[in-house]
Amino acid sequence: MIGQIGEYFRTSLDRWTGMLTAHVAVSLLALVIAAAIAVPAGVLCVRHERLKKPLTGLFGALRVVPSLAILLLMLPVLGTGTAPAAVALVLLAVPPILMNTVAGLESVPESVLETAAAMGMEEGQIWRKARLPLALPLVLTGLKTAAVEIVASATLAAKIGAGGLGELIFTGIGLFRTDLLLIGGGSVAMLSLLTGLLFDLLDKLLLRYKTA
């Protein structure tokens, strides 16, 4: 088995690199779009309480739908390729980012907000200089959770022609090739682990004040 895996990398390294690049690209695209939707939506939920239940309920309900089902539903509308895969992954990623953004913003002590107001800060300044920075740890946790889930779920993108490491996994299943299954599954697992470690590093870099 080890010999087969080694032979694959000797003969098909370029192909593996291409699948890895496609996997990272669709995952990154989905994460950026999800963050662009979820973080502002979280701010709206806190600033306008009446929006909290509808928005969190909507995205929470969408998350219940399996990613593969969303992919198949997107096919008649968006066809095959990256677009439907990105939509499915965005719907998967928005809820944890949204929930953590809301939780982070609501966890800021009222005393801090009152102190900021007493110092003469206007509402916009309070949000920029107090509320959002203090909510950042939980927001980053939501982003990390979403990113790891995206990387793991992006294997399904291969089902609709979006490429990625899922191609190796599905090929291995179809050909009963254990070596391909191990390479594909191991690559996704390592990429998920690396994603988590990168967010841990980002957390340490952005939140150095926590240990100061």
N, C-alpha and C. Protein backbone atom coordinates (compact mmCIF):
# COMPACT_ATOMS: atom_id res chain seq x y z
N MET A 1 0.82 -1.22 0.00
CA MET A 1 0.00 0.00 0.00
C MET A 1 0.86 1.27 0.00
N ILE A 2 1.89 1.26 0.84
CA ILE A 2 2.78 2.42 0.89
C ILE A 2 3.45 2.61 -0.46
N GLY A 3 3.81 1.48 -1.08
CA GLY A 3 4.43 1.57 -2.40
C GLY A 3 3.48 2.16 -3.43
N GLN A 4 2.20 1.80 -3.38
CA GLN A 4 1.21 2.34 -4.31
C GLN A 4 1.02 3.85 -4.11
N ILE A 5 1.00 4.27 -2.84
CA ILE A 5 0.85 5.70 -2.55
C ILE A 5 2.06 6.47 -3.05
N GLY A 6 3.25 5.91 -2.80
CA GLY A 6 4.46 6.55 -3.30
C GLY A 6 4.48 6.64 -4.81
N GLU A 7 4.05 5.58 -5.48
CA GLU A 7 4.01 5.56 -6.94
C GLU A 7 3.04 6.61 -7.47
N TYR A 8 1.91 6.78 -6.77
CA TYR A 8 0.94 7.78 -7.22
C TYR A 8 1.57 9.17 -7.19
N PHE A 9 2.25 9.49 -6.12
CA PHE A 9 2.84 10.83 -6.02
C PHE A 9 4.00 11.01 -7.00
N ARG A 10 4.69 9.91 -7.33
CA ARG A 10 5.77 10.02 -8.32
C ARG A 10 5.22 10.28 -9.72
N THR A 11 4.08 9.70 -10.03
CA THR A 11 3.56 9.79 -11.39
C THR A 11 2.45 10.83 -11.56
N SER A 12 1.80 11.20 -10.46
CA SER A 12 0.62 12.08 -10.59
C SER A 12 0.66 13.26 -9.63
N LEU A 13 1.85 13.73 -9.30
CA LEU A 13 1.96 14.84 -8.35
C LEU A 13 1.29 16.10 -8.88
N ASP A 14 1.46 16.38 -10.18
CA ASP A 14 0.84 17.57 -10.76
C ASP A 14 -0.69 17.51 -10.66
N ARG A 15 -1.23 16.34 -10.91
CA ARG A 15 -2.69 16.17 -10.82
C ARG A 15 -3.17 16.38 -9.39
N TRP A 16 -2.44 15.82 -8.42
CA TRP A 16 -2.81 15.98 -7.01
C TRP A 16 -2.73 17.46 -6.61
N THR A 17 -1.68 18.13 -7.08
CA THR A 17 -1.52 19.56 -6.77
C THR A 17 -2.68 20.37 -7.35
N GLY A 18 -3.11 20.01 -8.56
CA GLY A 18 -4.24 20.71 -9.18
C GLY A 18 -5.52 20.50 -8.39
N MET A 19 -5.76 19.28 -7.92
CA MET A 19 -6.96 19.01 -7.13
C MET A 19 -6.91 19.73 -5.79
N LEU A 20 -5.72 19.76 -5.19
CA LEU A 20 -5.55 20.48 -3.92
C LEU A 20 -5.83 21.97 -4.11
N THR A 21 -5.30 22.53 -5.19
CA THR A 21 -5.50 23.95 -5.47
C THR A 21 -6.99 24.27 -5.68
N ALA A 22 -7.69 23.40 -6.43
CA ALA A 22 -9.12 23.59 -6.66
C ALA A 22 -9.90 23.50 -5.35
N HIS A 23 -9.50 22.58 -4.50
CA HIS A 23 -10.18 22.38 -3.21
C HIS A 23 -10.02 23.63 -2.34
N VAL A 24 -8.80 24.13 -2.27
CA VAL A 24 -8.53 25.33 -1.46
C VAL A 24 -9.26 26.54 -2.05
N ALA A 25 -9.29 26.65 -3.36
CA ALA A 25 -9.90 27.80 -4.01
C ALA A 25 -11.40 27.88 -3.73
N VAL A 26 -12.12 26.76 -3.90
CA VAL A 26 -13.56 26.79 -3.67
C VAL A 26 -13.87 26.97 -2.18
N SER A 27 -13.01 26.43 -1.32
CA SER A 27 -13.20 26.58 0.12
C SER A 27 -13.00 28.04 0.54
N LEU A 28 -11.95 28.65 0.03
CA LEU A 28 -11.66 30.05 0.37
C LEU A 28 -12.74 30.98 -0.15
N LEU A 29 -13.20 30.72 -1.38
CA LEU A 29 -14.28 31.52 -1.96
C LEU A 29 -15.52 31.46 -1.09
N ALA A 30 -15.90 30.25 -0.68
CA ALA A 30 -17.10 30.07 0.14
C ALA A 30 -16.95 30.76 1.49
N LEU A 31 -15.77 30.67 2.10
CA LEU A 31 -15.55 31.29 3.41
C LEU A 31 -15.64 32.81 3.33
N VAL A 32 -15.04 33.38 2.31
CA VAL A 32 -15.07 34.84 2.16
C VAL A 32 -16.50 35.33 1.95
N ILE A 33 -17.25 34.65 1.09
CA ILE A 33 -18.64 35.05 0.84
C ILE A 33 -19.48 34.88 2.11
N ALA A 34 -19.28 33.76 2.80
CA ALA A 34 -20.05 33.50 4.03
C ALA A 34 -19.77 34.56 5.09
N ALA A 35 -18.49 34.93 5.24
CA ALA A 35 -18.14 35.96 6.22
C ALA A 35 -18.73 37.31 5.83
N ALA A 36 -18.73 37.62 4.54
CA ALA A 36 -19.29 38.89 4.06
C ALA A 36 -20.79 38.98 4.30
N ILE A 37 -21.45 37.82 4.37
CA ILE A 37 -22.89 37.78 4.65
C ILE A 37 -23.15 37.74 6.15
N ALA A 38 -22.44 36.85 6.84
CA ALA A 38 -22.78 36.53 8.24
C ALA A 38 -22.38 37.62 9.23
N VAL A 39 -21.21 38.22 9.05
CA VAL A 39 -20.78 39.24 10.03
C VAL A 39 -21.69 40.47 9.99
N PRO A 40 -21.97 41.06 8.81
CA PRO A 40 -22.93 42.18 8.79
C PRO A 40 -24.32 41.77 9.29
N ALA A 41 -24.73 40.53 8.96
CA ALA A 41 -26.04 40.06 9.43
C ALA A 41 -26.05 39.96 10.95
N GLY A 42 -24.93 39.54 11.55
CA GLY A 42 -24.83 39.48 13.00
C GLY A 42 -24.92 40.86 13.64
N VAL A 43 -24.28 41.82 13.01
CA VAL A 43 -24.36 43.20 13.50
C VAL A 43 -25.80 43.71 13.43
N LEU A 44 -26.48 43.41 12.34
CA LEU A 44 -27.89 43.82 12.20
C LEU A 44 -28.76 43.18 13.27
N CYS A 45 -28.49 41.91 13.58
CA CYS A 45 -29.29 41.21 14.58
C CYS A 45 -29.18 41.87 15.95
N VAL A 46 -27.98 42.38 16.26
CA VAL A 46 -27.77 43.00 17.56
C VAL A 46 -28.29 44.44 17.58
N ARG A 47 -28.13 45.14 16.48
CA ARG A 47 -28.59 46.53 16.43
C ARG A 47 -30.09 46.63 16.29
N HIS A 48 -30.68 45.63 15.63
CA HIS A 48 -32.14 45.62 15.43
C HIS A 48 -32.67 44.27 15.91
N GLU A 49 -33.07 44.19 17.15
CA GLU A 49 -33.45 42.95 17.80
C GLU A 49 -34.52 42.18 17.03
N ARG A 50 -35.42 42.91 16.35
CA ARG A 50 -36.52 42.22 15.64
C ARG A 50 -36.01 41.38 14.48
N LEU A 51 -34.78 41.64 14.01
CA LEU A 51 -34.23 40.86 12.90
C LEU A 51 -33.54 39.58 13.36
N LYS A 52 -33.25 39.49 14.65
CA LYS A 52 -32.44 38.37 15.16
C LYS A 52 -33.11 37.03 14.91
N LYS A 53 -34.34 36.89 15.33
CA LYS A 53 -35.02 35.60 15.21
C LYS A 53 -35.22 35.19 13.76
N PRO A 54 -35.69 36.08 12.87
CA PRO A 54 -35.86 35.66 11.47
C PRO A 54 -34.55 35.26 10.79
N LEU A 55 -33.49 36.05 11.00
CA LEU A 55 -32.23 35.76 10.31
C LEU A 55 -31.58 34.48 10.85
N THR A 56 -31.49 34.36 12.17
CA THR A 56 -30.87 33.15 12.73
C THR A 56 -31.72 31.92 12.42
N GLY A 57 -33.04 32.09 12.43
CA GLY A 57 -33.91 30.96 12.11
C GLY A 57 -33.78 30.53 10.66
N LEU A 58 -33.68 31.50 9.75
CA LEU A 58 -33.55 31.19 8.32
C LEU A 58 -32.29 30.41 8.04
N PHE A 59 -31.14 30.94 8.48
CA PHE A 59 -29.88 30.27 8.18
C PHE A 59 -29.72 28.98 8.97
N GLY A 60 -30.30 28.94 10.16
CA GLY A 60 -30.28 27.70 10.92
C GLY A 60 -31.05 26.60 10.22
N ALA A 61 -32.19 26.96 9.63
CA ALA A 61 -33.00 25.98 8.90
C ALA A 61 -32.28 25.50 7.64
N LEU A 62 -31.61 26.42 6.95
CA LEU A 62 -30.89 26.04 5.74
C LEU A 62 -29.75 25.08 6.04
N ARG A 63 -29.17 25.23 7.23
CA ARG A 63 -28.04 24.38 7.58
C ARG A 63 -28.46 22.93 7.79
N VAL A 64 -29.73 22.74 8.14
CA VAL A 64 -30.22 21.38 8.36
C VAL A 64 -30.23 20.58 7.07
N VAL A 65 -30.42 21.29 5.94
CA VAL A 65 -30.46 20.61 4.64
C VAL A 65 -29.06 20.09 4.30
N PRO A 66 -28.90 18.82 3.98
CA PRO A 66 -27.58 18.27 3.65
C PRO A 66 -26.94 19.00 2.48
N SER A 67 -25.62 19.14 2.56
CA SER A 67 -24.88 19.85 1.50
C SER A 67 -25.09 19.21 0.13
N LEU A 68 -25.12 17.87 0.09
CA LEU A 68 -25.31 17.19 -1.19
C LEU A 68 -26.68 17.51 -1.78
N ALA A 69 -27.70 17.62 -0.93
CA ALA A 69 -29.04 17.97 -1.41
C ALA A 69 -29.04 19.38 -1.99
N ILE A 70 -28.35 20.30 -1.34
CA ILE A 70 -28.28 21.67 -1.85
C ILE A 70 -27.55 21.69 -3.19
N LEU A 71 -26.48 20.91 -3.29
CA LEU A 71 -25.74 20.83 -4.56
C LEU A 71 -26.65 20.38 -5.68
N LEU A 72 -27.43 19.35 -5.42
CA LEU A 72 -28.32 18.82 -6.46
C LEU A 72 -29.43 19.80 -6.81
N LEU A 73 -29.92 20.54 -5.80
CA LEU A 73 -30.96 21.54 -6.06
C LEU A 73 -30.43 22.71 -6.87
N MET A 74 -29.13 23.00 -6.73
CA MET A 74 -28.54 24.12 -7.46
C MET A 74 -28.24 23.79 -8.92
N LEU A 75 -28.17 22.50 -9.24
CA LEU A 75 -27.80 22.10 -10.60
C LEU A 75 -28.70 22.70 -11.68
N PRO A 76 -30.04 22.64 -11.54
CA PRO A 76 -30.89 23.21 -12.61
C PRO A 76 -30.74 24.72 -12.75
N VAL A 77 -30.33 25.39 -11.67
CA VAL A 77 -30.23 26.85 -11.68
C VAL A 77 -28.84 27.31 -12.12
N LEU A 78 -27.80 26.72 -11.52
CA LEU A 78 -26.44 27.19 -11.75
C LEU A 78 -25.60 26.23 -12.58
N GLY A 79 -26.14 25.06 -12.88
CA GLY A 79 -25.38 24.09 -13.66
C GLY A 79 -24.30 23.43 -12.82
N THR A 80 -23.28 22.90 -13.48
CA THR A 80 -22.19 22.23 -12.78
C THR A 80 -21.02 23.18 -12.60
N GLY A 81 -20.07 22.76 -11.78
CA GLY A 81 -18.87 23.58 -11.59
C GLY A 81 -18.79 24.22 -10.21
N THR A 82 -18.03 25.29 -10.13
CA THR A 82 -17.72 25.93 -8.85
C THR A 82 -18.92 26.65 -8.24
N ALA A 83 -19.76 27.28 -9.08
CA ALA A 83 -20.84 28.12 -8.56
C ALA A 83 -21.80 27.37 -7.62
N PRO A 84 -22.39 26.25 -8.04
CA PRO A 84 -23.30 25.55 -7.12
C PRO A 84 -22.59 25.01 -5.88
N ALA A 85 -21.33 24.59 -6.05
CA ALA A 85 -20.57 24.11 -4.90
C ALA A 85 -20.36 25.24 -3.90
N ALA A 86 -20.02 26.43 -4.39
CA ALA A 86 -19.79 27.57 -3.51
C ALA A 86 -21.07 27.95 -2.77
N VAL A 87 -22.21 27.91 -3.46
CA VAL A 87 -23.49 28.24 -2.82
C VAL A 87 -23.78 27.28 -1.67
N ALA A 88 -23.62 25.99 -1.92
CA ALA A 88 -23.88 24.99 -0.88
C ALA A 88 -22.95 25.18 0.31
N LEU A 89 -21.69 25.46 0.05
CA LEU A 89 -20.73 25.64 1.14
C LEU A 89 -20.98 26.93 1.91
N VAL A 90 -21.42 27.97 1.21
CA VAL A 90 -21.76 29.23 1.89
C VAL A 90 -22.92 29.01 2.85
N LEU A 91 -23.94 28.30 2.40
CA LEU A 91 -25.10 28.03 3.27
C LEU A 91 -24.69 27.20 4.48
N LEU A 92 -23.69 26.36 4.32
CA LEU A 92 -23.18 25.57 5.44
C LEU A 92 -22.39 26.44 6.41
N ALA A 93 -21.67 27.44 5.88
CA ALA A 93 -20.74 28.21 6.70
C ALA A 93 -21.37 29.42 7.40
N VAL A 94 -22.44 29.96 6.85
CA VAL A 94 -23.02 31.17 7.43
C VAL A 94 -23.49 30.99 8.88
N PRO A 95 -24.22 29.92 9.22
CA PRO A 95 -24.76 29.81 10.59
C PRO A 95 -23.73 29.91 11.71
N PRO A 96 -22.60 29.16 11.68
CA PRO A 96 -21.65 29.30 12.81
C PRO A 96 -21.04 30.68 12.91
N ILE A 97 -20.80 31.33 11.76
CA ILE A 97 -20.24 32.69 11.80
C ILE A 97 -21.28 33.66 12.34
N LEU A 98 -22.51 33.53 11.87
CA LEU A 98 -23.59 34.42 12.32
C LEU A 98 -23.84 34.25 13.82
N MET A 99 -23.99 33.01 14.27
CA MET A 99 -24.28 32.75 15.68
C MET A 99 -23.16 33.28 16.59
N ASN A 100 -21.92 33.05 16.18
CA ASN A 100 -20.80 33.51 17.01
C ASN A 100 -20.65 35.02 16.99
N THR A 101 -20.98 35.65 15.85
CA THR A 101 -20.93 37.10 15.79
C THR A 101 -21.96 37.70 16.73
N VAL A 102 -23.17 37.17 16.70
CA VAL A 102 -24.22 37.65 17.60
C VAL A 102 -23.82 37.43 19.06
N ALA A 103 -23.33 36.23 19.36
CA ALA A 103 -22.94 35.91 20.73
C ALA A 103 -21.80 36.82 21.20
N GLY A 104 -20.84 37.06 20.32
CA GLY A 104 -19.72 37.93 20.68
C GLY A 104 -20.14 39.36 20.96
N LEU A 105 -20.98 39.89 20.10
CA LEU A 105 -21.45 41.27 20.27
C LEU A 105 -22.32 41.41 21.51
N GLU A 106 -23.13 40.41 21.79
CA GLU A 106 -24.02 40.48 22.96
C GLU A 106 -23.27 40.23 24.26
N SER A 107 -22.07 39.63 24.18
CA SER A 107 -21.32 39.33 25.39
C SER A 107 -20.51 40.51 25.91
N VAL A 108 -20.43 41.58 25.13
CA VAL A 108 -19.67 42.76 25.58
C VAL A 108 -20.38 43.35 26.80
N PRO A 109 -19.68 43.51 27.92
CA PRO A 109 -20.32 44.02 29.14
C PRO A 109 -20.95 45.40 28.93
N GLU A 110 -22.12 45.57 29.49
CA GLU A 110 -22.82 46.86 29.37
C GLU A 110 -22.00 47.98 29.99
N SER A 111 -21.23 47.63 31.03
CA SER A 111 -20.41 48.65 31.69
C SER A 111 -19.36 49.24 30.75
N VAL A 112 -18.84 48.39 29.87
CA VAL A 112 -17.85 48.87 28.89
C VAL A 112 -18.50 49.85 27.93
N LEU A 113 -19.71 49.52 27.47
CA LEU A 113 -20.41 50.40 26.54
C LEU A 113 -20.78 51.72 27.21
N GLU A 114 -21.18 51.65 28.47
CA GLU A 114 -21.52 52.86 29.21
C GLU A 114 -20.29 53.74 29.43
N THR A 115 -19.16 53.10 29.71
CA THR A 115 -17.91 53.85 29.89
C THR A 115 -17.50 54.54 28.61
N ALA A 116 -17.63 53.82 27.48
CA ALA A 116 -17.29 54.40 26.19
C ALA A 116 -18.18 55.60 25.88
N ALA A 117 -19.48 55.48 26.19
CA ALA A 117 -20.40 56.59 25.96
C ALA A 117 -20.06 57.76 26.86
N ALA A 118 -19.67 57.47 28.11
CA ALA A 118 -19.33 58.54 29.05
C ALA A 118 -18.07 59.28 28.62
N MET A 119 -17.21 58.61 27.86
CA MET A 119 -15.99 59.26 27.36
C MET A 119 -16.26 60.14 26.15
N GLY A 120 -17.52 60.18 25.72
CA GLY A 120 -17.90 61.05 24.61
C GLY A 120 -17.93 60.38 23.25
N MET A 121 -17.81 59.05 23.22
CA MET A 121 -17.86 58.35 21.94
C MET A 121 -19.28 58.32 21.40
N GLU A 122 -19.40 58.51 20.11
CA GLU A 122 -20.69 58.36 19.46
C GLU A 122 -20.94 56.87 19.21
N GLU A 123 -22.18 56.53 18.79
CA GLU A 123 -22.54 55.12 18.63
C GLU A 123 -21.62 54.39 17.66
N GLY A 124 -21.32 55.04 16.54
CA GLY A 124 -20.43 54.41 15.56
C GLY A 124 -19.05 54.15 16.13
N GLN A 125 -18.53 55.08 16.92
CA GLN A 125 -17.22 54.90 17.52
C GLN A 125 -17.24 53.79 18.56
N ILE A 126 -18.34 53.68 19.32
CA ILE A 126 -18.46 52.60 20.31
C ILE A 126 -18.40 51.24 19.62
N TRP A 127 -19.06 51.13 18.49
CA TRP A 127 -19.05 49.86 17.74
C TRP A 127 -17.65 49.56 17.23
N ARG A 128 -16.99 50.57 16.65
CA ARG A 128 -15.68 50.33 16.03
C ARG A 128 -14.58 50.10 17.06
N LYS A 129 -14.62 50.85 18.17
CA LYS A 129 -13.50 50.83 19.11
C LYS A 129 -13.73 49.96 20.34
N ALA A 130 -14.97 49.56 20.58
CA ALA A 130 -15.24 48.76 21.77
C ALA A 130 -15.95 47.46 21.44
N ARG A 131 -17.13 47.56 20.85
CA ARG A 131 -17.96 46.37 20.71
C ARG A 131 -17.35 45.36 19.73
N LEU A 132 -16.99 45.80 18.54
CA LEU A 132 -16.46 44.86 17.55
C LEU A 132 -15.12 44.25 17.98
N PRO A 133 -14.16 45.05 18.50
CA PRO A 133 -12.90 44.43 18.95
C PRO A 133 -13.09 43.40 20.06
N LEU A 134 -14.00 43.68 21.00
CA LEU A 134 -14.22 42.75 22.10
C LEU A 134 -14.98 41.49 21.65
N ALA A 135 -15.73 41.63 20.56
CA ALA A 135 -16.45 40.46 20.02
C ALA A 135 -15.57 39.61 19.11
N LEU A 136 -14.41 40.12 18.74
CA LEU A 136 -13.56 39.45 17.75
C LEU A 136 -13.18 38.01 18.12
N PRO A 137 -12.86 37.69 19.38
CA PRO A 137 -12.50 36.30 19.69
C PRO A 137 -13.58 35.29 19.30
N LEU A 138 -14.84 35.60 19.61
CA LEU A 138 -15.92 34.68 19.26
C LEU A 138 -16.17 34.66 17.75
N VAL A 139 -16.00 35.81 17.10
CA VAL A 139 -16.16 35.85 15.64
C VAL A 139 -15.13 34.95 14.97
N LEU A 140 -13.89 35.02 15.45
CA LEU A 140 -12.83 34.18 14.90
C LEU A 140 -13.11 32.70 15.14
N THR A 141 -13.69 32.39 16.29
CA THR A 141 -14.07 31.00 16.56
C THR A 141 -15.10 30.52 15.56
N GLY A 142 -16.08 31.38 15.26
CA GLY A 142 -17.08 31.03 14.26
C GLY A 142 -16.47 30.84 12.89
N LEU A 143 -15.52 31.70 12.53
CA LEU A 143 -14.84 31.58 11.24
C LEU A 143 -14.04 30.28 11.17
N LYS A 144 -13.37 29.94 12.27
CA LYS A 144 -12.59 28.70 12.30
C LYS A 144 -13.50 27.49 12.12
N THR A 145 -14.60 27.47 12.85
CA THR A 145 -15.55 26.36 12.73
C THR A 145 -16.06 26.22 11.30
N ALA A 146 -16.44 27.36 10.72
CA ALA A 146 -16.96 27.36 9.36
C ALA A 146 -15.91 26.90 8.36
N ALA A 147 -14.68 27.37 8.53
CA ALA A 147 -13.62 27.03 7.59
C ALA A 147 -13.33 25.53 7.60
N VAL A 148 -13.26 24.94 8.78
CA VAL A 148 -12.98 23.50 8.88
C VAL A 148 -14.14 22.70 8.27
N GLU A 149 -15.37 23.13 8.52
CA GLU A 149 -16.52 22.43 7.94
C GLU A 149 -16.53 22.56 6.41
N ILE A 150 -16.16 23.72 5.91
CA ILE A 150 -16.12 23.93 4.46
C ILE A 150 -15.09 23.01 3.82
N VAL A 151 -13.90 22.97 4.39
CA VAL A 151 -12.83 22.13 3.82
C VAL A 151 -13.26 20.66 3.78
N ALA A 152 -13.89 20.21 4.86
CA ALA A 152 -14.33 18.82 4.90
C ALA A 152 -15.46 18.55 3.91
N SER A 153 -16.40 19.50 3.80
CA SER A 153 -17.56 19.29 2.93
C SER A 153 -17.27 19.55 1.46
N ALA A 154 -16.19 20.26 1.17
CA ALA A 154 -15.86 20.58 -0.23
C ALA A 154 -15.53 19.34 -1.05
N THR A 155 -15.34 18.21 -0.39
CA THR A 155 -15.10 16.97 -1.14
C THR A 155 -16.29 16.63 -2.04
N LEU A 156 -17.50 17.08 -1.62
CA LEU A 156 -18.70 16.81 -2.42
C LEU A 156 -18.71 17.59 -3.73
N ALA A 157 -17.89 18.65 -3.80
CA ALA A 157 -17.87 19.48 -5.01
C ALA A 157 -17.49 18.68 -6.25
N ALA A 158 -16.71 17.62 -6.03
CA ALA A 158 -16.30 16.79 -7.17
C ALA A 158 -17.48 16.12 -7.84
N LYS A 159 -18.57 15.92 -7.10
CA LYS A 159 -19.77 15.27 -7.65
C LYS A 159 -20.39 16.08 -8.79
N ILE A 160 -20.17 17.40 -8.78
CA ILE A 160 -20.80 18.25 -9.79
C ILE A 160 -19.76 18.96 -10.66
N GLY A 161 -18.58 18.39 -10.72
CA GLY A 161 -17.57 18.91 -11.64
C GLY A 161 -16.81 20.11 -11.16
N ALA A 162 -16.80 20.38 -9.85
CA ALA A 162 -16.06 21.53 -9.33
C ALA A 162 -14.63 21.17 -8.95
N GLY A 163 -14.26 19.92 -9.12
CA GLY A 163 -12.90 19.50 -8.83
C GLY A 163 -12.66 19.36 -7.34
N GLY A 164 -11.39 19.36 -6.97
CA GLY A 164 -11.03 19.22 -5.57
C GLY A 164 -10.60 17.81 -5.23
N LEU A 165 -10.23 17.63 -3.98
CA LEU A 165 -9.71 16.33 -3.53
C LEU A 165 -10.78 15.25 -3.50
N GLY A 166 -12.04 15.65 -3.57
CA GLY A 166 -13.12 14.67 -3.64
C GLY A 166 -13.01 13.79 -4.86
N GLU A 167 -12.38 14.29 -5.93
CA GLU A 167 -12.19 13.47 -7.13
C GLU A 167 -11.42 12.19 -6.80
N LEU A 168 -10.40 12.32 -5.98
CA LEU A 168 -9.60 11.15 -5.59
C LEU A 168 -10.44 10.16 -4.80
N ILE A 169 -11.24 10.70 -3.88
CA ILE A 169 -12.05 9.83 -3.02
C ILE A 169 -13.08 9.07 -3.83
N PHE A 170 -13.80 9.79 -4.69
CA PHE A 170 -14.84 9.14 -5.49
C PHE A 170 -14.25 8.19 -6.53
N THR A 171 -13.08 8.53 -7.07
CA THR A 171 -12.40 7.62 -7.99
C THR A 171 -11.98 6.35 -7.26
N GLY A 172 -11.46 6.54 -6.05
CA GLY A 172 -11.05 5.38 -5.26
C GLY A 172 -12.22 4.46 -4.94
N ILE A 173 -13.38 5.07 -4.65
CA ILE A 173 -14.58 4.26 -4.38
C ILE A 173 -15.00 3.49 -5.63
N GLY A 174 -15.00 4.20 -6.77
CA GLY A 174 -15.44 3.58 -8.01
C GLY A 174 -14.53 2.46 -8.48
N LEU A 175 -13.22 2.61 -8.25
CA LEU A 175 -12.25 1.63 -8.73
C LEU A 175 -11.81 0.66 -7.65
N PHE A 176 -12.39 0.79 -6.45
CA PHE A 176 -11.99 -0.04 -5.32
C PHE A 176 -10.49 0.09 -5.06
N ARG A 177 -10.01 1.36 -5.13
CA ARG A 177 -8.59 1.65 -4.93
C ARG A 177 -8.40 2.23 -3.52
N THR A 178 -7.93 1.40 -2.62
CA THR A 178 -7.73 1.86 -1.25
C THR A 178 -6.66 2.95 -1.18
N ASP A 179 -5.65 2.87 -2.04
CA ASP A 179 -4.59 3.88 -2.02
C ASP A 179 -5.13 5.26 -2.35
N LEU A 180 -6.05 5.34 -3.32
CA LEU A 180 -6.63 6.63 -3.68
C LEU A 180 -7.52 7.16 -2.56
N LEU A 181 -8.25 6.26 -1.92
CA LEU A 181 -9.07 6.66 -0.78
C LEU A 181 -8.22 7.23 0.34
N LEU A 182 -7.10 6.58 0.61
CA LEU A 182 -6.21 7.05 1.68
C LEU A 182 -5.57 8.38 1.33
N ILE A 183 -5.16 8.54 0.08
CA ILE A 183 -4.54 9.80 -0.34
C ILE A 183 -5.56 10.94 -0.28
N GLY A 184 -6.75 10.69 -0.85
CA GLY A 184 -7.77 11.73 -0.85
C GLY A 184 -8.26 12.07 0.55
N GLY A 185 -8.63 11.04 1.31
CA GLY A 185 -9.12 11.28 2.66
C GLY A 185 -8.06 11.87 3.56
N GLY A 186 -6.82 11.37 3.45
CA GLY A 186 -5.73 11.90 4.25
C GLY A 186 -5.42 13.35 3.91
N SER A 187 -5.48 13.68 2.63
CA SER A 187 -5.22 15.07 2.21
C SER A 187 -6.26 16.02 2.77
N VAL A 188 -7.54 15.61 2.73
CA VAL A 188 -8.61 16.44 3.27
C VAL A 188 -8.45 16.60 4.78
N ALA A 189 -8.11 15.51 5.45
CA ALA A 189 -7.92 15.57 6.90
C ALA A 189 -6.77 16.50 7.27
N MET A 190 -5.67 16.40 6.56
CA MET A 190 -4.52 17.26 6.84
C MET A 190 -4.83 18.73 6.53
N LEU A 191 -5.58 18.95 5.45
CA LEU A 191 -5.96 20.32 5.10
C LEU A 191 -6.89 20.91 6.16
N SER A 192 -7.81 20.10 6.68
CA SER A 192 -8.70 20.56 7.75
C SER A 192 -7.90 20.91 9.00
N LEU A 193 -6.94 20.05 9.33
CA LEU A 193 -6.10 20.29 10.50
C LEU A 193 -5.27 21.55 10.33
N LEU A 194 -4.71 21.73 9.15
CA LEU A 194 -3.90 22.92 8.86
C LEU A 194 -4.76 24.18 8.94
N THR A 195 -6.00 24.09 8.46
CA THR A 195 -6.91 25.24 8.53
C THR A 195 -7.15 25.64 9.98
N GLY A 196 -7.41 24.66 10.83
CA GLY A 196 -7.61 24.95 12.25
C GLY A 196 -6.38 25.59 12.88
N LEU A 197 -5.19 25.07 12.53
CA LEU A 197 -3.95 25.62 13.08
C LEU A 197 -3.71 27.05 12.61
N LEU A 198 -4.05 27.34 11.35
CA LEU A 198 -3.89 28.70 10.83
C LEU A 198 -4.79 29.69 11.57
N PHE A 199 -6.00 29.27 11.89
CA PHE A 199 -6.89 30.15 12.64
C PHE A 199 -6.42 30.32 14.08
N ASP A 200 -5.83 29.27 14.65
CA ASP A 200 -5.25 29.40 15.99
C ASP A 200 -4.11 30.43 15.99
N LEU A 201 -3.29 30.38 14.94
CA LEU A 201 -2.20 31.35 14.81
C LEU A 201 -2.74 32.76 14.62
N LEU A 202 -3.78 32.88 13.79
CA LEU A 202 -4.40 34.19 13.56
C LEU A 202 -4.98 34.73 14.87
N ASP A 203 -5.57 33.85 15.65
CA ASP A 203 -6.13 34.25 16.95
C ASP A 203 -5.04 34.82 17.85
N LYS A 204 -3.88 34.15 17.88
CA LYS A 204 -2.77 34.62 18.72
C LYS A 204 -2.21 35.95 18.24
N LEU A 205 -2.15 36.12 16.91
CA LEU A 205 -1.59 37.36 16.36
C LEU A 205 -2.53 38.55 16.60
N LEU A 206 -3.84 38.32 16.41
CA LEU A 206 -4.80 39.43 16.53
C LEU A 206 -5.21 39.72 17.96
N LEU A 207 -5.08 38.72 18.81
CA LEU A 207 -5.57 38.88 20.18
C LEU A 207 -4.45 38.73 21.20
N ARG A 208 -3.32 39.33 20.88
CA ARG A 208 -2.19 39.27 21.80
C ARG A 208 -2.47 39.94 23.12
N TYR A 209 -3.43 40.89 23.12
CA TYR A 209 -3.76 41.60 24.36
C TYR A 209 -4.30 40.66 25.42
N LYS A 210 -4.86 39.49 24.99
CA LYS A 210 -5.45 38.57 25.95
C LYS A 210 -4.40 37.96 26.88
N THR A 211 -3.16 37.87 26.38
CA THR A 211 -2.11 37.27 27.20
C THR A 211 -1.11 38.32 27.68
N ALA A 212 -1.41 39.58 27.34
CA ALA A 212 -0.47 40.65 27.74
C ALA A 212 -0.59 40.93 29.23
